[in-house]
Amino acid sequence: MDWLIWLGAAVSLVGLVGLVWCIVIVVRAKRQNLSDDELRDRVRRVIPLNMGALLLSVFGLIIVVFGIVLG
């Protein structure tokens, strides 16, 4: 079941990269000195991506745990 552990680690890593990407998007938006409404709109657009990346990371960790338990 080593392949399951590595697969889960890869999925979790992709989710982590997605989370970092969301952070970079929001930091760039804050540095642009936008109005409150524009900043809220940009953050609102990033929230689904952030939640999807978090979910992907959690699924990857679940796969790792299954690989450890089954191995």
N, C-alpha and C. Protein backbone atom coordinates (compact mmCIF):
# COMPACT_ATOMS: atom_id res chain seq x y z
N MET A 1 0.79 -1.20 0.00
CA MET A 1 0.00 0.00 0.00
C MET A 1 0.85 1.27 0.00
N ASP A 2 2.11 1.14 -0.32
CA ASP A 2 2.96 2.32 -0.39
C ASP A 2 2.48 3.31 -1.44
N TRP A 3 1.95 2.80 -2.55
CA TRP A 3 1.48 3.68 -3.61
C TRP A 3 0.33 4.56 -3.13
N LEU A 4 -0.50 4.03 -2.23
CA LEU A 4 -1.62 4.80 -1.71
C LEU A 4 -1.13 5.96 -0.83
N ILE A 5 -0.09 5.70 -0.07
CA ILE A 5 0.50 6.75 0.76
C ILE A 5 1.10 7.85 -0.11
N TRP A 6 1.83 7.46 -1.15
CA TRP A 6 2.44 8.45 -2.03
C TRP A 6 1.39 9.22 -2.83
N LEU A 7 0.33 8.53 -3.23
CA LEU A 7 -0.75 9.20 -3.94
C LEU A 7 -1.42 10.24 -3.03
N GLY A 8 -1.68 9.87 -1.79
CA GLY A 8 -2.28 10.80 -0.84
C GLY A 8 -1.37 11.98 -0.55
N ALA A 9 -0.08 11.73 -0.45
CA ALA A 9 0.86 12.82 -0.22
C ALA A 9 0.89 13.77 -1.40
N ALA A 10 0.81 13.25 -2.61
CA ALA A 10 0.80 14.10 -3.80
C ALA A 10 -0.48 14.94 -3.86
N VAL A 11 -1.61 14.32 -3.56
CA VAL A 11 -2.89 15.05 -3.57
C VAL A 11 -2.87 16.14 -2.50
N SER A 12 -2.35 15.81 -1.34
CA SER A 12 -2.27 16.78 -0.26
C SER A 12 -1.32 17.93 -0.63
N LEU A 13 -0.25 17.63 -1.30
CA LEU A 13 0.69 18.66 -1.74
C LEU A 13 0.06 19.60 -2.76
N VAL A 14 -0.74 19.06 -3.67
CA VAL A 14 -1.44 19.89 -4.64
C VAL A 14 -2.41 20.83 -3.91
N GLY A 15 -3.10 20.32 -2.90
CA GLY A 15 -3.98 21.17 -2.11
C GLY A 15 -3.23 22.25 -1.37
N LEU A 16 -2.07 21.92 -0.85
CA LEU A 16 -1.25 22.91 -0.14
C LEU A 16 -0.77 24.01 -1.09
N VAL A 17 -0.38 23.62 -2.29
CA VAL A 17 0.03 24.61 -3.29
C VAL A 17 -1.15 25.53 -3.62
N GLY A 18 -2.34 24.96 -3.70
CA GLY A 18 -3.53 25.77 -3.94
C GLY A 18 -3.79 26.76 -2.82
N LEU A 19 -3.59 26.34 -1.60
CA LEU A 19 -3.77 27.25 -0.46
C LEU A 19 -2.77 28.40 -0.49
N VAL A 20 -1.53 28.09 -0.80
CA VAL A 20 -0.50 29.13 -0.90
C VAL A 20 -0.83 30.10 -2.03
N TRP A 21 -1.34 29.58 -3.13
CA TRP A 21 -1.71 30.41 -4.26
C TRP A 21 -2.84 31.37 -3.88
N CYS A 22 -3.81 30.89 -3.11
CA CYS A 22 -4.89 31.76 -2.64
C CYS A 22 -4.35 32.87 -1.75
N ILE A 23 -3.41 32.54 -0.90
CA ILE A 23 -2.80 33.55 -0.03
C ILE A 23 -2.10 34.61 -0.86
N VAL A 24 -1.38 34.18 -1.89
CA VAL A 24 -0.66 35.13 -2.75
C VAL A 24 -1.65 36.06 -3.46
N ILE A 25 -2.76 35.53 -3.92
CA ILE A 25 -3.76 36.35 -4.61
C ILE A 25 -4.31 37.42 -3.68
N VAL A 26 -4.62 37.05 -2.44
CA VAL A 26 -5.19 38.02 -1.50
C VAL A 26 -4.15 39.06 -1.09
N VAL A 27 -2.92 38.64 -0.87
CA VAL A 27 -1.87 39.60 -0.50
C VAL A 27 -1.64 40.60 -1.62
N ARG A 28 -1.63 40.13 -2.86
CA ARG A 28 -1.47 41.05 -3.99
C ARG A 28 -2.63 42.05 -4.07
N ALA A 29 -3.84 41.56 -3.79
CA ALA A 29 -5.00 42.45 -3.83
C ALA A 29 -4.93 43.49 -2.72
N LYS A 30 -4.43 43.11 -1.56
CA LYS A 30 -4.32 44.07 -0.46
C LYS A 30 -3.26 45.13 -0.74
N ARG A 31 -2.22 44.76 -1.46
CA ARG A 31 -1.13 45.71 -1.77
C ARG A 31 -1.53 46.71 -2.85
N GLN A 32 -2.60 46.45 -3.56
CA GLN A 32 -3.01 47.35 -4.64
C GLN A 32 -3.82 48.54 -4.13
N ASN A 33 -4.03 48.63 -2.83
CA ASN A 33 -4.77 49.73 -2.22
C ASN A 33 -6.14 49.94 -2.89
N LEU A 34 -6.90 48.85 -3.00
CA LEU A 34 -8.23 48.92 -3.60
C LEU A 34 -9.23 49.46 -2.58
N SER A 35 -10.37 49.86 -3.07
CA SER A 35 -11.43 50.28 -2.15
C SER A 35 -11.97 49.04 -1.43
N ASP A 36 -12.73 49.27 -0.38
CA ASP A 36 -13.25 48.15 0.40
C ASP A 36 -14.11 47.22 -0.43
N ASP A 37 -14.96 47.78 -1.27
CA ASP A 37 -15.84 46.95 -2.09
C ASP A 37 -15.07 46.12 -3.10
N GLU A 38 -14.08 46.71 -3.73
CA GLU A 38 -13.27 45.96 -4.70
C GLU A 38 -12.48 44.86 -4.02
N LEU A 39 -11.93 45.16 -2.84
CA LEU A 39 -11.17 44.15 -2.10
C LEU A 39 -12.09 43.01 -1.66
N ARG A 40 -13.27 43.34 -1.22
CA ARG A 40 -14.24 42.29 -0.83
C ARG A 40 -14.60 41.41 -2.03
N ASP A 41 -14.78 42.03 -3.19
CA ASP A 41 -15.10 41.25 -4.39
C ASP A 41 -13.98 40.29 -4.76
N ARG A 42 -12.75 40.75 -4.66
CA ARG A 42 -11.61 39.87 -4.98
C ARG A 42 -11.50 38.73 -3.98
N VAL A 43 -11.67 39.06 -2.70
CA VAL A 43 -11.59 38.01 -1.68
C VAL A 43 -12.75 37.04 -1.84
N ARG A 44 -13.92 37.55 -2.20
CA ARG A 44 -15.09 36.70 -2.40
C ARG A 44 -14.86 35.72 -3.54
N ARG A 45 -14.13 36.14 -4.57
CA ARG A 45 -13.83 35.23 -5.68
C ARG A 45 -12.80 34.17 -5.32
N VAL A 46 -11.95 34.45 -4.32
CA VAL A 46 -10.91 33.51 -3.93
C VAL A 46 -11.43 32.45 -2.95
N ILE A 47 -12.49 32.77 -2.23
CA ILE A 47 -12.99 31.85 -1.20
C ILE A 47 -13.32 30.46 -1.75
N PRO A 48 -14.04 30.32 -2.87
CA PRO A 48 -14.29 28.95 -3.38
C PRO A 48 -13.01 28.20 -3.73
N LEU A 49 -12.02 28.91 -4.29
CA LEU A 49 -10.74 28.26 -4.60
C LEU A 49 -10.05 27.81 -3.32
N ASN A 50 -10.12 28.66 -2.30
CA ASN A 50 -9.50 28.34 -1.02
C ASN A 50 -10.15 27.10 -0.40
N MET A 51 -11.46 27.06 -0.42
CA MET A 51 -12.17 25.91 0.16
C MET A 51 -11.90 24.63 -0.63
N GLY A 52 -11.83 24.75 -1.96
CA GLY A 52 -11.51 23.58 -2.78
C GLY A 52 -10.11 23.06 -2.52
N ALA A 53 -9.16 23.96 -2.37
CA ALA A 53 -7.79 23.54 -2.08
C ALA A 53 -7.70 22.90 -0.70
N LEU A 54 -8.42 23.46 0.26
CA LEU A 54 -8.43 22.87 1.60
C LEU A 54 -9.06 21.48 1.57
N LEU A 55 -10.14 21.32 0.84
CA LEU A 55 -10.79 20.02 0.72
C LEU A 55 -9.87 19.00 0.05
N LEU A 56 -9.17 19.43 -0.98
CA LEU A 56 -8.23 18.54 -1.67
C LEU A 56 -7.11 18.10 -0.74
N SER A 57 -6.62 19.03 0.06
CA SER A 57 -5.57 18.70 1.02
C SER A 57 -6.06 17.70 2.06
N VAL A 58 -7.28 17.89 2.54
CA VAL A 58 -7.85 16.97 3.52
C VAL A 58 -8.05 15.59 2.91
N PHE A 59 -8.55 15.52 1.68
CA PHE A 59 -8.71 14.23 1.02
C PHE A 59 -7.37 13.51 0.87
N GLY A 60 -6.34 14.27 0.57
CA GLY A 60 -5.01 13.67 0.46
C GLY A 60 -4.55 13.08 1.78
N LEU A 61 -4.80 13.80 2.86
CA LEU A 61 -4.41 13.27 4.17
C LEU A 61 -5.24 12.04 4.55
N ILE A 62 -6.50 12.02 4.16
CA ILE A 62 -7.33 10.84 4.41
C ILE A 62 -6.79 9.64 3.64
N ILE A 63 -6.37 9.86 2.41
CA ILE A 63 -5.79 8.77 1.61
C ILE A 63 -4.51 8.26 2.25
N VAL A 64 -3.70 9.16 2.78
CA VAL A 64 -2.47 8.75 3.47
C VAL A 64 -2.80 7.88 4.68
N VAL A 65 -3.79 8.29 5.45
CA VAL A 65 -4.17 7.51 6.64
C VAL A 65 -4.69 6.13 6.22
N PHE A 66 -5.51 6.06 5.16
CA PHE A 66 -5.98 4.76 4.69
C PHE A 66 -4.81 3.89 4.24
N GLY A 67 -3.86 4.47 3.56
CA GLY A 67 -2.68 3.71 3.13
C GLY A 67 -1.90 3.17 4.29
N ILE A 68 -1.78 3.96 5.37
CA ILE A 68 -1.05 3.50 6.56
C ILE A 68 -1.82 2.39 7.26
N VAL A 69 -3.14 2.56 7.39
CA VAL A 69 -3.95 1.56 8.08
C VAL A 69 -3.99 0.26 7.29
N LEU A 70 -4.14 0.33 5.98
CA LEU A 70 -4.22 -0.87 5.17
C LEU A 70 -2.85 -1.52 4.93
N GLY A 71 -1.79 -0.77 5.12
CA GLY A 71 -0.45 -1.27 4.85
C GLY A 71 0.04 -2.02 6.02
